[in-house]
PDB file of N, CA and C in Angstrom:
ATOM      1  N   MET A   1       0.996  -1.271  -0.385  1.00  0.00           N
ATOM      2  CA  MET A   1      -0.036  -0.257   0.233  1.00  0.00           C
ATOM      3  C   MET A   1       0.818   1.526  -0.212  1.00  0.00           C
ATOM      4  N   SER A   2       1.982   1.151   0.735  1.00  0.00           N
ATOM      5  CA  SER A   2       2.965   2.313   0.618  1.00  0.00           C
ATOM      6  C   SER A   2       2.950   2.655  -0.668  1.00  0.00           C
ATOM      7  N   LEU A   3       3.821   1.634  -1.062  1.00  0.00           N
ATOM      8  CA  LEU A   3       4.376   2.226  -2.775  1.00  0.00           C
ATOM      9  C   LEU A   3       3.483   2.987  -3.699  1.00  0.00           C
ATOM     10  N   TYR A   4       2.328   1.906  -3.639  1.00  0.00           N
ATOM     11  CA  TYR A   4       1.081   2.619  -4.247  1.00  0.00           C
ATOM     12  C   TYR A   4       0.897   4.051  -4.209  1.00  0.00           C
ATOM     13  N   GLU A   5       0.713   4.091  -2.654  1.00  0.00           N
ATOM     14  CA  GLU A   5       0.042   5.520  -1.914  1.00  0.00           C
ATOM     15  C   GLU A   5       1.641   6.550  -2.773  1.00  0.00           C
ATOM     16  N   LEU A   6       3.003   6.044  -2.443  1.00  0.00           N
ATOM     17  CA  LEU A   6       3.659   7.021  -3.103  1.00  0.00           C
ATOM     18  C   LEU A   6       3.434   7.531  -4.227  1.00  0.00           C
ATOM     19  N   ARG A   7       3.289   6.412  -5.019  1.00  0.00           N
ATOM     20  CA  ARG A   7       3.060   6.425  -7.046  1.00  0.00           C
ATOM     21  C   ARG A   7       2.301   7.493  -7.139  1.00  0.00           C
ATOM     22  N   LYS A   8       0.729   7.348  -6.246  1.00  0.00           N
ATOM     23  CA  LYS A   8      -0.547   7.860  -6.518  1.00  0.00           C
ATOM     24  C   LYS A   8       0.161   9.131  -5.994  1.00  0.00           C
ATOM     25  N   SER A   9       1.141   9.594  -5.158  1.00  0.00           N
ATOM     26  CA  SER A   9       1.520  11.415  -4.983  1.00  0.00           C
ATOM     27  C   SER A   9       2.427  11.611  -5.847  1.00  0.00           C
ATOM     28  N   LYS A  10       3.037  10.510  -6.634  1.00  0.00           N
ATOM     29  CA  LYS A  10       4.219  10.965  -7.314  1.00  0.00           C
ATOM     30  C   LYS A  10       5.330  11.223  -6.111  1.00  0.00           C
ATOM     31  N   ILE A  11       5.829  10.582  -5.316  1.00  0.00           N
ATOM     32  CA  ILE A  11       6.821  10.837  -4.818  1.00  0.00           C
ATOM     33  C   ILE A  11       7.652   9.507  -4.316  1.00  0.00           C
ATOM     34  N   ILE A  12       9.010   9.930  -4.455  1.00  0.00           N
ATOM     35  CA  ILE A  12      10.287   8.916  -4.387  1.00  0.00           C
ATOM     36  C   ILE A  12      10.618   8.784  -3.129  1.00  0.00           C
ATOM     37  N   HIS A  13      10.575   8.079  -2.346  1.00  0.00           N
ATOM     38  CA  HIS A  13      11.080   7.839  -1.099  1.00  0.00           C
ATOM     39  C   HIS A  13      13.012   7.531  -0.648  1.00  0.00           C
ATOM     40  N   ALA A  14      13.199   7.020  -1.329  1.00  0.00           N
ATOM     41  CA  ALA A  14      14.665   6.692  -1.913  1.00  0.00           C
ATOM     42  C   ALA A  14      15.680   6.500  -0.479  1.00  0.00           C
ATOM     43  N   ASP A  15      14.881   5.788   0.278  1.00  0.00           N
ATOM     44  CA  ASP A  15      15.470   5.094   1.467  1.00  0.00           C
ATOM     45  C   ASP A  15      15.010   4.151   2.268  1.00  0.00           C
ATOM     46  N   ILE A  16      14.066   3.644   1.650  1.00  0.00           N
ATOM     47  CA  ILE A  16      13.215   2.158   2.263  1.00  0.00           C
ATOM     48  C   ILE A  16      14.542   1.386   2.391  1.00  0.00           C
ATOM     49  N   LYS A  17      14.513   0.781   3.520  1.00  0.00           N
ATOM     50  CA  LYS A  17      15.359   0.253   4.329  1.00  0.00           C
ATOM     51  C   LYS A  17      14.469  -0.610   5.636  1.00  0.00           C
ATOM     52  N   PRO A  18      15.189  -1.556   5.802  1.00  0.00           N
ATOM     53  CA  PRO A  18      14.329  -2.391   7.279  1.00  0.00           C
ATOM     54  C   PRO A  18      13.977  -1.348   8.455  1.00  0.00           C
ATOM     55  N   ASP A  19      14.738  -0.346   8.829  1.00  0.00           N
ATOM     56  CA  ASP A  19      14.994   0.606   9.867  1.00  0.00           C
ATOM     57  C   ASP A  19      13.576   1.336   9.531  1.00  0.00           C
ATOM     58  N   ASN A  20      13.248   1.379   8.444  1.00  0.00           N
ATOM     59  CA  ASN A  20      12.524   2.447   8.180  1.00  0.00           C
ATOM     60  C   ASN A  20      11.217   2.215   8.075  1.00  0.00           C
ATOM     61  N   PHE A  21      10.717   0.700   8.437  1.00  0.00           N
ATOM     62  CA  PHE A  21       9.323   0.016   8.752  1.00  0.00           C
ATOM     63  C   PHE A  21       8.892   0.104  10.221  1.00  0.00           C
ATOM     64  N   LEU A  22       8.038   0.549  10.409  1.00  0.00           N
ATOM     65  CA  LEU A  22       7.304   0.547  11.854  1.00  0.00           C
ATOM     66  C   LEU A  22       6.137  -0.562  11.759  1.00  0.00           C
ATOM     67  N   PHE A  23       6.480  -1.161  12.927  1.00  0.00           N
ATOM     68  CA  PHE A  23       5.808  -2.635  13.221  1.00  0.00           C
ATOM     69  C   PHE A  23       4.574  -2.142  14.323  1.00  0.00           C
ATOM     70  N   THR A  24       3.526  -2.516  14.334  1.00  0.00           N
ATOM     71  CA  THR A  24       2.407  -2.429  15.214  1.00  0.00           C
ATOM     72  C   THR A  24       2.715  -3.574  15.985  1.00  0.00           C
ATOM     73  N   GLN A  25       2.765  -3.486  17.847  1.00  0.00           N
ATOM     74  CA  GLN A  25       2.877  -4.618  18.458  1.00  0.00           C
ATOM     75  C   GLN A  25       2.453  -5.694  17.920  1.00  0.00           C
ATOM     76  N   ASP A  26       1.318  -5.915  17.640  1.00  0.00           N
ATOM     77  CA  ASP A  26       0.609  -7.236  17.093  1.00  0.00           C
ATOM     78  C   ASP A  26       0.825  -7.527  15.933  1.00  0.00           C
ATOM     79  N   MET A  27       1.662  -7.002  15.132  1.00  0.00           N
ATOM     80  CA  MET A  27       2.657  -6.900  13.611  1.00  0.00           C
ATOM     81  C   MET A  27       1.562  -7.421  12.709  1.00  0.00           C
ATOM     82  N   LYS A  28       0.671  -6.558  12.826  1.00  0.00           N
ATOM     83  CA  LYS A  28      -0.070  -6.217  12.263  1.00  0.00           C
ATOM     84  C   LYS A  28      -0.419  -5.679  10.913  1.00  0.00           C
ATOM     85  N   LYS A  29       0.189  -4.461  11.023  1.00  0.00           N
ATOM     86  CA  LYS A  29       0.154  -3.195  10.595  1.00  0.00           C
ATOM     87  C   LYS A  29       1.510  -2.534  10.306  1.00  0.00           C
ATOM     88  N   ILE A  30       1.919  -2.399   9.432  1.00  0.00           N
ATOM     89  CA  ILE A  30       3.410  -2.171   9.137  1.00  0.00           C
ATOM     90  C   ILE A  30       2.755  -0.329   8.399  1.00  0.00           C
ATOM     91  N   LYS A  31       4.500   0.812   9.066  1.00  0.00           N
ATOM     92  CA  LYS A  31       3.883   1.883   8.289  1.00  0.00           C
ATOM     93  C   LYS A  31       5.349   2.367   7.824  1.00  0.00           C
ATOM     94  N   LEU A  32       5.726   2.941   6.404  1.00  0.00           N
ATOM     95  CA  LEU A  32       6.781   3.334   6.113  1.00  0.00           C
ATOM     96  C   LEU A  32       7.245   5.090   7.143  1.00  0.00           C
ATOM     97  N   SER A  33       8.074   4.933   7.130  1.00  0.00           N
ATOM     98  CA  SER A  33       8.817   6.570   7.866  1.00  0.00           C
ATOM     99  C   SER A  33      10.206   7.214   7.233  1.00  0.00           C
ATOM    100  N   ASP A  34      10.263   8.101   7.842  1.00  0.00           N
ATOM    101  CA  ASP A  34      11.507   8.669   7.595  1.00  0.00           C
ATOM    102  C   ASP A  34      11.458   9.174   6.003  1.00  0.00           C
ATOM    103  N   PHE A  35      10.390  10.230   5.701  1.00  0.00           N
ATOM    104  CA  PHE A  35      10.856  10.685   4.642  1.00  0.00           C
ATOM    105  C   PHE A  35      11.500  11.873   4.686  1.00  0.00           C
ATOM    106  N   GLY A  36      12.339  12.075   4.576  1.00  0.00           N
ATOM    107  CA  GLY A  36      13.912  13.350   4.710  1.00  0.00           C
ATOM    108  C   GLY A  36      14.585  13.441   3.578  1.00  0.00           C
ATOM    109  N   THR A  37      14.314  12.194   2.981  1.00  0.00           N
ATOM    110  CA  THR A  37      15.209  12.106   1.733  1.00  0.00           C
ATOM    111  C   THR A  37      14.445  11.686   0.172  1.00  0.00           C
ATOM    112  N   SER A  38      13.121  11.759   0.895  1.00  0.00           N
ATOM    113  CA  SER A  38      11.903  12.023  -0.268  1.00  0.00           C
ATOM    114  C   SER A  38      12.060  13.161  -1.563  1.00  0.00           C
ATOM    115  N   PHE A  39      11.581  12.428  -2.717  1.00  0.00           N
ATOM    116  CA  PHE A  39      11.751  13.686  -3.625  1.00  0.00           C
ATOM    117  C   PHE A  39      10.579  13.263  -4.866  1.00  0.00           C
ATOM    118  N   THR A  40      10.057  14.026  -5.363  1.00  0.00           N
ATOM    119  CA  THR A  40       9.169  14.427  -6.541  1.00  0.00           C
ATOM    120  C   THR A  40       9.337  13.595  -7.354  1.00  0.00           C
ATOM    121  N   VAL A  41       9.008  12.893  -8.054  1.00  0.00           N
ATOM    122  CA  VAL A  41       9.217  12.338  -9.568  1.00  0.00           C
ATOM    123  C   VAL A  41       9.670  13.011 -10.675  1.00  0.00           C
ATOM    124  N   GLU A  42       9.614  14.558 -10.593  1.00  0.00           N
ATOM    125  CA  GLU A  42       9.746  15.133 -11.351  1.00  0.00           C
ATOM    126  C   GLU A  42      10.998  15.747 -11.513  1.00  0.00           C
ATOM    127  N   GLU A  43      11.645  16.058 -10.076  1.00  0.00           N
ATOM    128  CA  GLU A  43      12.689  16.019  -9.752  1.00  0.00           C
ATOM    129  C   GLU A  43      13.713  15.637 -10.159  1.00  0.00           C
ATOM    130  N   HIS A  44      14.696  16.101 -11.133  1.00  0.00           N
ATOM    131  CA  HIS A  44      15.988  15.124 -11.451  1.00  0.00           C
ATOM    132  C   HIS A  44      17.258  15.082 -10.117  1.00  0.00           C
ATOM    133  N   SER A  45      17.540  14.565  -9.355  1.00  0.00           N
ATOM    134  CA  SER A  45      19.073  14.694  -8.531  1.00  0.00           C
ATOM    135  C   SER A  45      19.775  14.012  -8.871  1.00  0.00           C
ATOM    136  N   VAL A  46      20.787  14.262  -8.825  1.00  0.00           N
ATOM    137  CA  VAL A  46      22.192  13.497  -8.711  1.00  0.00           C
ATOM    138  C   VAL A  46      22.576  13.030  -7.738  1.00  0.00           C
ATOM    139  N   GLU A  47      21.917  13.332  -6.669  1.00  0.00           N
ATOM    140  CA  GLU A  47      22.215  13.230  -4.930  1.00  0.00           C
ATOM    141  C   GLU A  47      21.866  11.353  -4.709  1.00  0.00           C
ATOM    142  N   VAL A  48      20.394  11.247  -5.748  1.00  0.00           N
ATOM    143  CA  VAL A  48      19.785  10.419  -5.328  1.00  0.00           C
ATOM    144  C   VAL A  48      20.868   9.030  -5.094  1.00  0.00           C
ATOM    145  N   ASP A  49      21.765   8.829  -5.781  1.00  0.00           N
ATOM    146  CA  ASP A  49      23.014   7.767  -5.670  1.00  0.00           C
ATOM    147  C   ASP A  49      23.201   7.795  -4.308  1.00  0.00           C
ATOM    148  N   TYR A  50      22.994   9.399  -4.044  1.00  0.00           N
ATOM    149  CA  TYR A  50      23.785   8.905  -2.195  1.00  0.00           C
ATOM    150  C   TYR A  50      22.690   9.034  -1.192  1.00  0.00           C
ATOM    151  N   LEU A  51      21.642   8.748  -1.665  1.00  0.00           N
ATOM    152  CA  LEU A  51      20.541   8.934  -1.324  1.00  0.00           C
ATOM    153  C   LEU A  51      19.629   7.438  -0.515  1.00  0.00           C
ATOM    154  N   VAL A  52      20.317   6.588  -1.475  1.00  0.00           N
ATOM    155  CA  VAL A  52      19.663   5.053  -1.109  1.00  0.00           C
ATOM    156  C   VAL A  52      20.714   4.334  -0.448  1.00  0.00           C
ATOM    157  N   ALA A  53      19.966   3.478   0.566  1.00  0.00           N
ATOM    158  CA  ALA A  53      21.464   3.286   0.978  1.00  0.00           C
ATOM    159  C   ALA A  53      21.951   2.195   0.185  1.00  0.00           C
ATOM    160  N   ARG A  54      23.212   1.763   0.503  1.00  0.00           N
ATOM    161  CA  ARG A  54      23.932   0.682  -0.104  1.00  0.00           C
ATOM    162  C   ARG A  54      23.196  -0.271  -0.764  1.00  0.00           C
ATOM    163  N   TYR A  55      23.012  -1.357   0.593  1.00  0.00           N
ATOM    164  CA  TYR A  55      22.562  -2.639   0.304  1.00  0.00           C
ATOM    165  C   TYR A  55      21.222  -2.646  -0.595  1.00  0.00           C
ATOM    166  N   TYR A  56      20.767  -1.565  -0.658  1.00  0.00           N
ATOM    167  CA  TYR A  56      19.135  -1.562  -0.851  1.00  0.00           C
ATOM    168  C   TYR A  56      19.058  -0.168  -2.132  1.00  0.00           C
ATOM    169  N   ARG A  57      20.089  -0.669  -2.904  1.00  0.00           N
ATOM    170  CA  ARG A  57      20.341   0.595  -4.365  1.00  0.00           C
ATOM    171  C   ARG A  57      20.076  -0.676  -5.120  1.00  0.00           C
ATOM    172  N   ALA A  58      18.944   0.056  -6.453  1.00  0.00           N
ATOM    173  CA  ALA A  58      18.834  -0.553  -7.118  1.00  0.00           C
ATOM    174  C   ALA A  58      19.633  -0.352  -8.306  1.00  0.00           C
ATOM    175  N   PRO A  59      19.868  -1.674  -9.510  1.00  0.00           N
ATOM    176  CA  PRO A  59      20.611  -1.901 -10.350  1.00  0.00           C
ATOM    177  C   PRO A  59      21.063  -0.320 -11.260  1.00  0.00           C
ATOM    178  N   GLU A  60      19.727   0.087 -11.529  1.00  0.00           N
ATOM    179  CA  GLU A  60      19.481   1.069 -12.241  1.00  0.00           C
ATOM    180  C   GLU A  60      20.550   2.942 -11.872  1.00  0.00           C
ATOM    181  N   ILE A  61      20.502   2.450 -10.370  1.00  0.00           N
ATOM    182  CA  ILE A  61      21.271   4.012  -9.905  1.00  0.00           C
ATOM    183  C   ILE A  61      22.872   3.478  -9.721  1.00  0.00           C
ATOM    184  N   ILE A  62      23.152   2.404  -9.206  1.00  0.00           N
ATOM    185  CA  ILE A  62      24.643   1.348  -9.417  1.00  0.00           C
ATOM    186  C   ILE A  62      25.163   2.041 -10.817  1.00  0.00           C
ATOM    187  N   LEU A  63      24.698   1.800 -11.686  1.00  0.00           N
ATOM    188  CA  LEU A  63      25.046   1.829 -13.239  1.00  0.00           C
ATOM    189  C   LEU A  63      24.873   3.430 -13.680  1.00  0.00           C
ATOM    190  N   GLY A  64      24.190   4.488 -12.909  1.00  0.00           N
ATOM    191  CA  GLY A  64      24.343   5.384 -13.453  1.00  0.00           C
ATOM    192  C   GLY A  64      23.257   5.673 -14.488  1.00  0.00           C
ATOM    193  N   CYS A  65      22.008   5.216 -14.628  1.00  0.00           N
ATOM    194  CA  CYS A  65      20.988   5.117 -15.660  1.00  0.00           C
ATOM    195  C   CYS A  65      20.450   6.368 -15.673  1.00  0.00           C
ATOM    196  N   ASP A  66      20.197   6.844 -16.733  1.00  0.00           N
ATOM    197  CA  ASP A  66      19.063   8.203 -17.038  1.00  0.00           C
ATOM    198  C   ASP A  66      17.756   7.450 -17.428  1.00  0.00           C
ATOM    199  N   MET A  67      17.030   7.734 -16.022  1.00  0.00           N
ATOM    200  CA  MET A  67      15.746   6.860 -16.188  1.00  0.00           C
ATOM    201  C   MET A  67      14.930   7.833 -16.579  1.00  0.00           C
ATOM    202  N   PRO A  68      13.523   7.594 -17.483  1.00  0.00           N
ATOM    203  CA  PRO A  68      12.473   8.108 -17.711  1.00  0.00           C
ATOM    204  C   PRO A  68      11.727   8.123 -16.515  1.00  0.00           C
ATOM    205  N   VAL A  69      10.541   9.138 -16.314  1.00  0.00           N
ATOM    206  CA  VAL A  69       9.865   9.524 -15.434  1.00  0.00           C
ATOM    207  C   VAL A  69       9.065   8.030 -14.700  1.00  0.00           C
ATOM    208  N   GLU A  70       8.555   7.318 -15.571  1.00  0.00           N
ATOM    209  CA  GLU A  70       7.839   6.367 -15.044  1.00  0.00           C
ATOM    210  C   GLU A  70       8.625   5.209 -14.792  1.00  0.00           C
ATOM    211  N   GLN A  71      10.081   5.593 -14.842  1.00  0.00           N
ATOM    212  CA  GLN A  71      10.935   4.042 -14.298  1.00  0.00           C
ATOM    213  C   GLN A  71      11.448   4.394 -12.948  1.00  0.00           C
ATOM    214  N   ARG A  72      11.140   5.383 -12.301  1.00  0.00           N
ATOM    215  CA  ARG A  72      11.748   5.903 -11.552  1.00  0.00           C
ATOM    216  C   ARG A  72      11.665   5.590  -9.843  1.00  0.00           C
ATOM    217  N   TYR A  73      10.307   4.791  -9.972  1.00  0.00           N
ATOM    218  CA  TYR A  73       9.809   4.540  -9.106  1.00  0.00           C
ATOM    219  C   TYR A  73       9.901   3.084  -8.699  1.00  0.00           C
ATOM    220  N   GLY A  74      10.993   2.683  -9.713  1.00  0.00           N
ATOM    221  CA  GLY A  74      11.274   1.144  -9.685  1.00  0.00           C
ATOM    222  C   GLY A  74      12.108   1.285  -8.295  1.00  0.00           C
ATOM    223  N   ILE A  75      12.978   2.343  -7.988  1.00  0.00           N
ATOM    224  CA  ILE A  75      14.178   2.606  -7.301  1.00  0.00           C
ATOM    225  C   ILE A  75      13.427   1.935  -5.598  1.00  0.00           C
ATOM    226  N   ASP A  76      11.803   2.657  -5.415  1.00  0.00           N
ATOM    227  CA  ASP A  76      11.662   2.232  -4.018  1.00  0.00           C
ATOM    228  C   ASP A  76      10.697   1.011  -3.842  1.00  0.00           C
ATOM    229  N   THR A  77      10.566   0.258  -5.164  1.00  0.00           N
ATOM    230  CA  THR A  77       9.884  -1.414  -5.325  1.00  0.00           C
ATOM    231  C   THR A  77      11.366  -2.080  -5.180  1.00  0.00           C
ATOM    232  N   TRP A  78      12.340  -2.072  -5.540  1.00  0.00           N
ATOM    233  CA  TRP A  78      13.864  -2.586  -5.872  1.00  0.00           C
ATOM    234  C   TRP A  78      14.108  -2.416  -3.791  1.00  0.00           C
ATOM    235  N   ALA A  79      14.107  -1.484  -3.676  1.00  0.00           N
ATOM    236  CA  ALA A  79      14.363  -0.959  -2.103  1.00  0.00           C
ATOM    237  C   ALA A  79      13.201  -2.403  -1.187  1.00  0.00           C
ATOM    238  N   VAL A  80      12.185  -1.843  -1.371  1.00  0.00           N
ATOM    239  CA  VAL A  80      11.427  -2.685  -0.861  1.00  0.00           C
ATOM    240  C   VAL A  80      11.312  -4.309  -0.821  1.00  0.00           C
ATOM    241  N   GLY A  81      11.793  -4.581  -1.958  1.00  0.00           N
ATOM    242  CA  GLY A  81      12.138  -6.013  -2.215  1.00  0.00           C
ATOM    243  C   GLY A  81      13.697  -6.928  -1.639  1.00  0.00           C
ATOM    244  N   CYS A  82      14.828  -5.899  -1.427  1.00  0.00           N
ATOM    245  CA  CYS A  82      15.659  -6.028  -0.794  1.00  0.00           C
ATOM    246  C   CYS A  82      15.095  -5.921   1.054  1.00  0.00           C
ATOM    247  N   SER A  83      14.728  -5.454   1.311  1.00  0.00           N
ATOM    248  CA  SER A  83      14.475  -5.091   2.604  1.00  0.00           C
ATOM    249  C   SER A  83      13.551  -6.421   3.189  1.00  0.00           C
ATOM    250  N   LEU A  84      12.470  -6.771   2.247  1.00  0.00           N
ATOM    251  CA  LEU A  84      11.647  -8.138   2.902  1.00  0.00           C
ATOM    252  C   LEU A  84      12.746  -9.449   2.409  1.00  0.00           C
ATOM    253  N   PHE A  85      13.527  -9.288   1.588  1.00  0.00           N
ATOM    254  CA  PHE A  85      14.277 -10.545   1.811  1.00  0.00           C
ATOM    255  C   PHE A  85      15.202 -10.441   3.036  1.00  0.00           C
ATOM    256  N   GLU A  86      15.872  -9.312   3.663  1.00  0.00           N
ATOM    257  CA  GLU A  86      16.600  -9.563   4.915  1.00  0.00           C
ATOM    258  C   GLU A  86      15.587  -9.102   6.328  1.00  0.00           C
ATOM    259  N   LEU A  87      14.674  -9.293   5.721  1.00  0.00           N
ATOM    260  CA  LEU A  87      13.701  -9.481   6.742  1.00  0.00           C
ATOM    261  C   LEU A  87      13.108 -10.551   7.562  1.00  0.00           C
ATOM    262  N   PHE A  88      13.314 -11.553   6.530  1.00  0.00           N
ATOM    263  CA  PHE A  88      13.007 -12.653   6.424  1.00  0.00           C
ATOM    264  C   PHE A  88      13.816 -13.707   6.407  1.00  0.00           C
ATOM    265  N   THR A  89      15.171 -13.357   5.773  1.00  0.00           N
ATOM    266  CA  THR A  89      16.449 -14.081   6.315  1.00  0.00           C
ATOM    267  C   THR A  89      17.513 -13.733   7.033  1.00  0.00           C
ATOM    268  N   GLY A  90      17.362 -12.461   7.127  1.00  0.00           N
ATOM    269  CA  GLY A  90      18.247 -11.729   8.342  1.00  0.00           C
ATOM    270  C   GLY A  90      19.869 -11.705   7.561  1.00  0.00           C
ATOM    271  N   LYS A  91      19.548 -11.818   6.061  1.00  0.00           N
ATOM    272  CA  LYS A  91      20.964 -12.212   5.289  1.00  0.00           C
ATOM    273  C   LYS A  91      21.010 -10.669   3.989  1.00  0.00           C
ATOM    274  N   PHE A  92      21.509  -9.496   4.529  1.00  0.00           N
ATOM    275  CA  PHE A  92      21.762  -8.783   3.415  1.00  0.00           C
ATOM    276  C   PHE A  92      21.418  -9.590   1.675  1.00  0.00           C
ATOM    277  N   LEU A  93      20.719  -8.946   0.859  1.00  0.00           N
ATOM    278  CA  LEU A  93      20.422  -9.661  -0.978  1.00  0.00           C
ATOM    279  C   LEU A  93      21.584  -9.367  -1.650  1.00  0.00           C
ATOM    280  N   PHE A  94      22.132  -8.002  -1.593  1.00  0.00           N
ATOM    281  CA  PHE A  94      23.565  -7.988  -2.391  1.00  0.00           C
ATOM    282  C   PHE A  94      24.658  -6.856  -1.528  1.00  0.00           C
TER     283      PHE A  94
END
């Protein structure tokens, strides 16, 4: 739901990692936090390379690809996948 709402609002979080997930005590709800490095999709920032934590950085950022606006949401999608892998296995994906 968080990724859906971010896309609907045209916002890229750019710092999704397990540290930024907030769980309720019963572990039934998860919220995304720490929007300090987020930016709108229209903004194109060179600093995005340094905003995303290394273990959750998408390949297109690592390779320095210039992404069309529609593909910039993939940064957060990749980070969520890496974060879920870490939460379930206790290991970094990359």
